[in-house]
C-alpha atoms as a PDB file:
ATOM      1  CA  UNK A   1       0.000   0.000   0.000  1.00  0.00           C
ATOM      2  CA  UNK A   2       1.317   3.443  -0.932  1.00  0.00           C
ATOM      3  CA  UNK A   3       1.901   5.824   1.927  1.00  0.00           C
ATOM      4  CA  UNK A   4       0.395   9.227   1.135  1.00  0.00           C
ATOM      5  CA  UNK A   5       3.430  10.965   2.635  1.00  0.00           C
ATOM      6  CA  UNK A   6       5.675   9.817  -0.206  1.00  0.00           C
ATOM      7  CA  UNK A   7       3.842  11.386  -3.202  1.00  0.00           C
ATOM      8  CA  UNK A   8       2.973  14.533  -1.238  1.00  0.00           C
ATOM      9  CA  UNK A   9       6.576  14.839  -0.098  1.00  0.00           C
ATOM     10  CA  UNK A  10       7.886  14.399  -3.622  1.00  0.00           C
ATOM     11  CA  UNK A  11       5.410  16.987  -4.903  1.00  0.00           C
ATOM     12  CA  UNK A  12       6.495  19.565  -2.319  1.00  0.00           C
ATOM     13  CA  UNK A  13      10.146  18.698  -2.882  1.00  0.00           C
ATOM     14  CA  UNK A  14       9.971  19.288  -6.628  1.00  0.00           C
ATOM     15  CA  UNK A  15       7.716  22.353  -6.518  1.00  0.00           C
ATOM     16  CA  UNK A  16       9.615  23.940  -3.635  1.00  0.00           C
ATOM     17  CA  UNK A  17      12.983  23.529  -5.313  1.00  0.00           C
ATOM     18  CA  UNK A  18      11.571  24.931  -8.573  1.00  0.00           C
ATOM     19  CA  UNK A  19      10.109  27.931  -6.729  1.00  0.00           C
ATOM     20  CA  UNK A  20      13.363  28.613  -4.859  1.00  0.00           C
ATOM     21  CA  UNK A  21      15.426  28.391  -8.048  1.00  0.00           C
ATOM     22  CA  UNK A  22      12.965  30.672  -9.837  1.00  0.00           C
ATOM     23  CA  UNK A  23      13.201  33.160  -6.982  1.00  0.00           C
ATOM     24  CA  UNK A  24      16.994  33.157  -7.072  1.00  0.00           C
ATOM     25  CA  UNK A  25      17.087  33.620 -10.840  1.00  0.00           C
ATOM     26  CA  UNK A  26      14.594  36.512 -10.973  1.00  0.00           C
ATOM     27  CA  UNK A  27      15.246  39.545  -8.753  1.00  0.00           C
ATOM     28  CA  UNK A  28      12.249  41.249  -7.125  1.00  0.00           C
ATOM     29  CA  UNK A  29      10.505  43.884  -9.230  1.00  0.00           C
ATOM     30  CA  UNK A  30       9.229  45.930  -6.293  1.00  0.00           C
ATOM     31  CA  UNK A  31      10.387  46.494  -2.764  1.00  0.00           C
ATOM     32  CA  UNK A  32       8.190  45.376   0.090  1.00  0.00           C
ATOM     33  CA  UNK A  33       7.662  48.168   2.602  1.00  0.00           C
ATOM     34  CA  UNK A  34       7.594  47.325   6.294  1.00  0.00           C
ATOM     35  CA  UNK A  35       7.048  50.432   8.442  1.00  0.00           C
ATOM     36  CA  UNK A  36       8.547  52.909   5.965  1.00  0.00           C
ATOM     37  CA  UNK A  37      11.595  50.722   5.171  1.00  0.00           C
ATOM     38  CA  UNK A  38      11.921  49.154   1.731  1.00  0.00           C
ATOM     39  CA  UNK A  39      13.210  45.595   1.693  1.00  0.00           C
ATOM     40  CA  UNK A  40      14.205  43.931  -1.569  1.00  0.00           C
ATOM     41  CA  UNK A  41      12.613  40.649  -0.552  1.00  0.00           C
ATOM     42  CA  UNK A  42      11.704  38.062  -3.141  1.00  0.00           C
ATOM     43  CA  UNK A  43       8.952  36.075  -1.447  1.00  0.00           C
ATOM     44  CA  UNK A  44       9.501  33.082  -3.742  1.00  0.00           C
ATOM     45  CA  UNK A  45      12.843  32.205  -2.171  1.00  0.00           C
ATOM     46  CA  UNK A  46      11.805  31.668   1.472  1.00  0.00           C
ATOM     47  CA  UNK A  47       8.584  29.886   0.509  1.00  0.00           C
ATOM     48  CA  UNK A  48      10.472  27.672  -1.929  1.00  0.00           C
ATOM     49  CA  UNK A  49      12.942  26.757   0.797  1.00  0.00           C
ATOM     50  CA  UNK A  50      10.131  26.027   3.289  1.00  0.00           C
ATOM     51  CA  UNK A  51       8.286  23.874   0.755  1.00  0.00           C
ATOM     52  CA  UNK A  52      11.491  21.967  -0.008  1.00  0.00           C
ATOM     53  CA  UNK A  53      12.143  21.345   3.687  1.00  0.00           C
ATOM     54  CA  UNK A  54       8.561  20.150   4.168  1.00  0.00           C
ATOM     55  CA  UNK A  55       8.974  17.782   1.207  1.00  0.00           C
ATOM     56  CA  UNK A  56      12.213  16.406   2.645  1.00  0.00           C
ATOM     57  CA  UNK A  57      10.502  15.828   6.001  1.00  0.00           C
ATOM     58  CA  UNK A  58       7.559  14.017   4.394  1.00  0.00           C
ATOM     59  CA  UNK A  59       9.768  11.760   2.273  1.00  0.00           C
ATOM     60  CA  UNK A  60      11.963  11.002   5.292  1.00  0.00           C
ATOM     61  CA  UNK A  61       8.948  10.086   7.428  1.00  0.00           C
ATOM     62  CA  UNK A  62       7.622   7.819   4.675  1.00  0.00           C
ATOM     63  CA  UNK A  63      10.961   6.030   4.402  1.00  0.00           C
ATOM     64  CA  UNK A  64      11.270   5.637   8.176  1.00  0.00           C
ATOM     65  CA  UNK A  65       7.780   4.154   8.346  1.00  0.00           C
ATOM     66  CA  UNK A  66       8.608   1.745   5.510  1.00  0.00           C
ATOM     67  CA  UNK A  67      11.763   0.621   7.331  1.00  0.00           C
ATOM     68  CA  UNK A  68       9.832   0.135  10.573  1.00  0.00           C
ATOM     69  CA  UNK A  69       7.158  -1.895   8.764  1.00  0.00           C
ATOM     70  CA  UNK A  70       9.813  -4.151   7.217  1.00  0.00           C
ATOM     71  CA  UNK A  71      11.415  -4.610  10.623  1.00  0.00           C
ATOM     72  CA  UNK A  72       8.058  -5.572  12.181  1.00  0.00           C
ATOM     73  CA  UNK A  73       7.395  -7.984   9.314  1.00  0.00           C
ATOM     74  CA  UNK A  74      10.768  -9.689   9.723  1.00  0.00           C
ATOM     75  CA  UNK A  75      10.306  -9.914  13.482  1.00  0.00           C
ATOM     76  CA  UNK A  76       6.853 -11.479  13.067  1.00  0.00           C
ATOM     77  CA  UNK A  77       8.199 -13.942  10.518  1.00  0.00           C
ATOM     78  CA  UNK A  78      11.076 -14.911  12.821  1.00  0.00           C
ATOM     79  CA  UNK A  79       8.659 -15.492  15.717  1.00  0.00           C
ATOM     80  CA  UNK A  80       6.318 -17.578  13.539  1.00  0.00           C
ATOM     81  CA  UNK A  81       9.042 -19.976  12.395  1.00  0.00           C
ATOM     82  CA  UNK A  82       9.884 -22.732  14.846  1.00  0.00           C
ATOM     83  CA  UNK A  83      13.423 -22.559  16.074  1.00  0.00           C
ATOM     84  CA  UNK A  84      15.545 -25.670  15.825  1.00  0.00           C
ATOM     85  CA  UNK A  85      17.643 -26.308  18.884  1.00  0.00           C
ATOM     86  CA  UNK A  86      20.436 -28.808  18.957  1.00  0.00           C
END
């Protein structure tokens, strides 16, 4: 069964990296003004980085869960088999 964290994580990973790269390649056209101070902030860069980090976290959690499921399966299989003692 496919864990939903894997495709969602891959989606955020790809889209976030594309958004961050796009933000780095294109400088901001207007300055954002915060209390009379102009900041040349390109909003695509921080959101692209956050989306990429979220995608990495989701993919990592999916892989950890898959490893834990395999470990549980192997442990159950080892307990089900009769052990031969000499």
